[in-house]
């Protein structure tokens, strides 16, 4: 859990706001998939997807690829929230419960961080707070800024 002081210190006008703006403007796949980035804090992010017919597979449940995209977007925002370009090097995902309709939320939390590696967990829940999927990811943090001119 992030402390209120961390959120305030890194809030509007800081690196976290730049990360939020960058992802909202530049992640075309998330836009195309109907995923909204709600909030970013240092090492933390929350995303939302309102389930649409195009998210469903042949069994009429939310497609695993849609769930993965939701989790991956939260993971990317959290991993890049400190301003260094971070890219996934390993992920695993467990599908816990089928989703059919409504709204899904993904919340990414940083579990560990060092100079080059960050480890994150993303929980996807439905609008009843039932766990739908669990995503674990490791990101490699490059020695370059997320946004080119920083």
C-alpha atoms as a PDB file:
ATOM      1  CA  UNK A   1       0.000   0.000   0.000  1.00  0.00           C
ATOM      2  CA  UNK A   2       1.210   3.478  -0.888  1.00  0.00           C
ATOM      3  CA  UNK A   3       1.241   6.129   1.802  1.00  0.00           C
ATOM      4  CA  UNK A   4      -0.684   9.349   1.334  1.00  0.00           C
ATOM      5  CA  UNK A   5       2.579  11.314   1.521  1.00  0.00           C
ATOM      6  CA  UNK A   6       4.016   9.340  -1.420  1.00  0.00           C
ATOM      7  CA  UNK A   7       0.945  10.084  -3.508  1.00  0.00           C
ATOM      8  CA  UNK A   8       0.984  13.774  -2.639  1.00  0.00           C
ATOM      9  CA  UNK A   9       4.721  14.207  -3.106  1.00  0.00           C
ATOM     10  CA  UNK A  10       4.620  12.550  -6.519  1.00  0.00           C
ATOM     11  CA  UNK A  11       1.234  13.924  -7.494  1.00  0.00           C
ATOM     12  CA  UNK A  12       0.115  16.434 -10.096  1.00  0.00           C
ATOM     13  CA  UNK A  13       2.976  18.033 -11.972  1.00  0.00           C
ATOM     14  CA  UNK A  14       5.397  15.295 -10.883  1.00  0.00           C
ATOM     15  CA  UNK A  15       6.691  12.158 -12.540  1.00  0.00           C
ATOM     16  CA  UNK A  16       3.538  10.199 -11.760  1.00  0.00           C
ATOM     17  CA  UNK A  17       1.340  12.704 -13.586  1.00  0.00           C
ATOM     18  CA  UNK A  18       3.725  12.617 -16.560  1.00  0.00           C
ATOM     19  CA  UNK A  19       3.472   8.820 -16.636  1.00  0.00           C
ATOM     20  CA  UNK A  20      -0.319   8.952 -16.481  1.00  0.00           C
ATOM     21  CA  UNK A  21      -0.478  11.489 -19.312  1.00  0.00           C
ATOM     22  CA  UNK A  22       2.087   9.592 -21.407  1.00  0.00           C
ATOM     23  CA  UNK A  23       0.204   6.298 -21.233  1.00  0.00           C
ATOM     24  CA  UNK A  24      -3.211   7.877 -21.804  1.00  0.00           C
ATOM     25  CA  UNK A  25      -1.929   9.629 -24.932  1.00  0.00           C
ATOM     26  CA  UNK A  26       0.343   6.949 -26.398  1.00  0.00           C
ATOM     27  CA  UNK A  27      -0.961   3.460 -25.623  1.00  0.00           C
ATOM     28  CA  UNK A  28      -3.031   2.897 -28.740  1.00  0.00           C
ATOM     29  CA  UNK A  29      -3.680  -0.790 -28.013  1.00  0.00           C
ATOM     30  CA  UNK A  30      -5.242   0.013 -24.641  1.00  0.00           C
ATOM     31  CA  UNK A  31      -7.409   2.688 -26.283  1.00  0.00           C
ATOM     32  CA  UNK A  32      -8.472   0.236 -28.992  1.00  0.00           C
ATOM     33  CA  UNK A  33      -9.256  -2.374 -26.310  1.00  0.00           C
ATOM     34  CA  UNK A  34     -11.475   0.013 -24.346  1.00  0.00           C
ATOM     35  CA  UNK A  35      -9.213   0.154 -21.286  1.00  0.00           C
ATOM     36  CA  UNK A  36      -9.014   3.299 -19.188  1.00  0.00           C
ATOM     37  CA  UNK A  37      -6.080   4.242 -16.954  1.00  0.00           C
ATOM     38  CA  UNK A  38      -7.726   5.607 -13.809  1.00  0.00           C
ATOM     39  CA  UNK A  39      -4.846   6.394 -11.475  1.00  0.00           C
ATOM     40  CA  UNK A  40      -1.085   6.076 -11.123  1.00  0.00           C
ATOM     41  CA  UNK A  41       1.065   6.426  -7.997  1.00  0.00           C
ATOM     42  CA  UNK A  42       4.717   5.520  -7.501  1.00  0.00           C
ATOM     43  CA  UNK A  43       4.824   1.752  -8.115  1.00  0.00           C
ATOM     44  CA  UNK A  44       1.034   1.447  -8.342  1.00  0.00           C
ATOM     45  CA  UNK A  45      -1.674   1.795 -10.996  1.00  0.00           C
ATOM     46  CA  UNK A  46      -5.392   1.140 -11.465  1.00  0.00           C
ATOM     47  CA  UNK A  47      -7.174   0.469 -14.769  1.00  0.00           C
ATOM     48  CA  UNK A  48     -10.776  -0.185 -15.819  1.00  0.00           C
ATOM     49  CA  UNK A  49     -12.465  -2.082 -18.647  1.00  0.00           C
ATOM     50  CA  UNK A  50     -16.204  -2.099 -19.280  1.00  0.00           C
ATOM     51  CA  UNK A  51     -16.900  -5.461 -20.896  1.00  0.00           C
ATOM     52  CA  UNK A  52     -18.162  -5.166 -24.471  1.00  0.00           C
ATOM     53  CA  UNK A  53     -19.266  -7.919 -26.887  1.00  0.00           C
ATOM     54  CA  UNK A  54     -15.860  -7.797 -28.626  1.00  0.00           C
ATOM     55  CA  UNK A  55     -14.162  -8.793 -25.335  1.00  0.00           C
ATOM     56  CA  UNK A  56     -15.981 -12.160 -25.318  1.00  0.00           C
ATOM     57  CA  UNK A  57     -14.653 -15.463 -26.648  1.00  0.00           C
ATOM     58  CA  UNK A  58     -16.598 -18.337 -28.232  1.00  0.00           C
ATOM     59  CA  UNK A  59     -17.705 -19.559 -24.797  1.00  0.00           C
ATOM     60  CA  UNK A  60     -19.228 -16.092 -24.154  1.00  0.00           C
ATOM     61  CA  UNK A  61     -16.781 -15.320 -21.341  1.00  0.00           C
ATOM     62  CA  UNK A  62     -14.204 -12.528 -21.352  1.00  0.00           C
ATOM     63  CA  UNK A  63     -11.314 -13.644 -23.553  1.00  0.00           C
ATOM     64  CA  UNK A  64      -8.033 -14.384 -21.778  1.00  0.00           C
ATOM     65  CA  UNK A  65      -6.299 -11.973 -24.129  1.00  0.00           C
ATOM     66  CA  UNK A  66      -8.576  -9.151 -22.963  1.00  0.00           C
ATOM     67  CA  UNK A  67      -7.807  -9.992 -19.329  1.00  0.00           C
ATOM     68  CA  UNK A  68      -4.091 -10.123 -20.113  1.00  0.00           C
ATOM     69  CA  UNK A  69      -4.248  -6.744 -21.862  1.00  0.00           C
ATOM     70  CA  UNK A  70      -6.022  -5.202 -18.869  1.00  0.00           C
ATOM     71  CA  UNK A  71      -3.414  -6.581 -16.449  1.00  0.00           C
ATOM     72  CA  UNK A  72      -0.488  -5.706 -18.710  1.00  0.00           C
ATOM     73  CA  UNK A  73      -1.607  -2.080 -18.984  1.00  0.00           C
ATOM     74  CA  UNK A  74      -1.762  -1.713 -15.188  1.00  0.00           C
ATOM     75  CA  UNK A  75       1.633  -3.445 -14.893  1.00  0.00           C
ATOM     76  CA  UNK A  76       3.203  -1.146 -17.505  1.00  0.00           C
ATOM     77  CA  UNK A  77       1.887   2.022 -15.857  1.00  0.00           C
ATOM     78  CA  UNK A  78       3.075   0.954 -12.385  1.00  0.00           C
ATOM     79  CA  UNK A  79       6.487  -0.218 -13.624  1.00  0.00           C
ATOM     80  CA  UNK A  80       7.092   3.018 -15.553  1.00  0.00           C
ATOM     81  CA  UNK A  81       5.687   5.341 -12.872  1.00  0.00           C
ATOM     82  CA  UNK A  82       9.128   6.294 -11.568  1.00  0.00           C
ATOM     83  CA  UNK A  83      10.231   7.745 -14.902  1.00  0.00           C
ATOM     84  CA  UNK A  84      12.637   5.077 -16.172  1.00  0.00           C
ATOM     85  CA  UNK A  85      11.677   2.985 -19.184  1.00  0.00           C
ATOM     86  CA  UNK A  86      10.624  -0.436 -17.857  1.00  0.00           C
ATOM     87  CA  UNK A  87       9.877  -3.404 -20.118  1.00  0.00           C
ATOM     88  CA  UNK A  88       8.392  -6.787 -19.219  1.00  0.00           C
ATOM     89  CA  UNK A  89      10.859  -9.670 -19.112  1.00  0.00           C
ATOM     90  CA  UNK A  90       8.674 -12.297 -17.440  1.00  0.00           C
ATOM     91  CA  UNK A  91       5.000 -12.679 -16.637  1.00  0.00           C
ATOM     92  CA  UNK A  92       2.592 -15.346 -15.455  1.00  0.00           C
ATOM     93  CA  UNK A  93      -1.156 -15.196 -15.183  1.00  0.00           C
ATOM     94  CA  UNK A  94      -3.761 -17.331 -13.461  1.00  0.00           C
ATOM     95  CA  UNK A  95      -7.427 -17.159 -14.419  1.00  0.00           C
ATOM     96  CA  UNK A  96      -9.466 -17.646 -11.252  1.00  0.00           C
ATOM     97  CA  UNK A  97     -13.093 -16.970 -12.212  1.00  0.00           C
ATOM     98  CA  UNK A  98     -14.906 -16.368 -15.483  1.00  0.00           C
ATOM     99  CA  UNK A  99     -16.244 -12.900 -16.242  1.00  0.00           C
ATOM    100  CA  UNK A 100     -19.223 -12.293 -18.515  1.00  0.00           C
ATOM    101  CA  UNK A 101     -20.311  -8.674 -18.251  1.00  0.00           C
ATOM    102  CA  UNK A 102     -20.033  -5.546 -16.158  1.00  0.00           C
ATOM    103  CA  UNK A 103     -16.824  -3.750 -15.291  1.00  0.00           C
ATOM    104  CA  UNK A 104     -13.386  -5.161 -14.525  1.00  0.00           C
ATOM    105  CA  UNK A 105     -10.641  -3.372 -12.611  1.00  0.00           C
ATOM    106  CA  UNK A 106      -6.942  -4.133 -12.564  1.00  0.00           C
ATOM    107  CA  UNK A 107      -4.751  -2.922  -9.721  1.00  0.00           C
ATOM    108  CA  UNK A 108      -0.971  -3.233 -10.009  1.00  0.00           C
ATOM    109  CA  UNK A 109       1.243  -3.106  -6.940  1.00  0.00           C
ATOM    110  CA  UNK A 110       5.023  -3.045  -6.779  1.00  0.00           C
ATOM    111  CA  UNK A 111       6.325  -5.913  -4.653  1.00  0.00           C
ATOM    112  CA  UNK A 112      10.055  -5.232  -4.998  1.00  0.00           C
ATOM    113  CA  UNK A 113      12.316  -2.770  -6.761  1.00  0.00           C
ATOM    114  CA  UNK A 114      16.059  -2.488  -7.286  1.00  0.00           C
ATOM    115  CA  UNK A 115      18.265  -0.700  -9.790  1.00  0.00           C
ATOM    116  CA  UNK A 116      17.291  -2.847 -12.788  1.00  0.00           C
ATOM    117  CA  UNK A 117      14.366  -5.069 -11.772  1.00  0.00           C
ATOM    118  CA  UNK A 118      10.878  -4.429 -10.487  1.00  0.00           C
ATOM    119  CA  UNK A 119       8.400  -7.124  -9.494  1.00  0.00           C
ATOM    120  CA  UNK A 120       4.660  -6.437  -9.646  1.00  0.00           C
ATOM    121  CA  UNK A 121       1.376  -8.170  -8.952  1.00  0.00           C
ATOM    122  CA  UNK A 122      -1.870  -7.236 -10.678  1.00  0.00           C
ATOM    123  CA  UNK A 123      -5.234  -8.332  -9.318  1.00  0.00           C
ATOM    124  CA  UNK A 124      -8.204  -8.195 -11.666  1.00  0.00           C
ATOM    125  CA  UNK A 125     -11.562  -7.982  -9.921  1.00  0.00           C
ATOM    126  CA  UNK A 126     -15.122  -7.486 -11.115  1.00  0.00           C
ATOM    127  CA  UNK A 127     -17.506  -4.803  -9.896  1.00  0.00           C
ATOM    128  CA  UNK A 128     -18.459  -7.105  -6.978  1.00  0.00           C
ATOM    129  CA  UNK A 129     -14.774  -7.226  -5.920  1.00  0.00           C
ATOM    130  CA  UNK A 130     -14.524 -10.925  -6.847  1.00  0.00           C
ATOM    131  CA  UNK A 131     -11.062 -12.016  -7.977  1.00  0.00           C
ATOM    132  CA  UNK A 132     -11.079 -12.826 -11.707  1.00  0.00           C
ATOM    133  CA  UNK A 133      -7.363 -13.187 -12.466  1.00  0.00           C
ATOM    134  CA  UNK A 134      -3.929 -12.774 -10.921  1.00  0.00           C
ATOM    135  CA  UNK A 135      -0.940 -11.520 -12.934  1.00  0.00           C
ATOM    136  CA  UNK A 136       2.683 -11.479 -11.764  1.00  0.00           C
ATOM    137  CA  UNK A 137       5.308  -9.638 -13.763  1.00  0.00           C
ATOM    138  CA  UNK A 138       8.951  -8.649 -13.676  1.00  0.00           C
ATOM    139  CA  UNK A 139      10.124  -5.547 -15.508  1.00  0.00           C
ATOM    140  CA  UNK A 140      13.641  -4.635 -16.568  1.00  0.00           C
ATOM    141  CA  UNK A 141      14.338  -0.962 -15.865  1.00  0.00           C
ATOM    142  CA  UNK A 142      16.551   0.531 -18.551  1.00  0.00           C
ATOM    143  CA  UNK A 143      18.947   3.402 -17.963  1.00  0.00           C
ATOM    144  CA  UNK A 144      16.846   5.757 -20.042  1.00  0.00           C
ATOM    145  CA  UNK A 145      13.808   7.890 -19.320  1.00  0.00           C
ATOM    146  CA  UNK A 146      10.299   6.804 -20.220  1.00  0.00           C
ATOM    147  CA  UNK A 147       9.742  10.125 -21.914  1.00  0.00           C
ATOM    148  CA  UNK A 148      12.610  10.919 -24.291  1.00  0.00           C
ATOM    149  CA  UNK A 149      13.577  14.478 -23.302  1.00  0.00           C
ATOM    150  CA  UNK A 150      13.748  14.074 -19.525  1.00  0.00           C
END
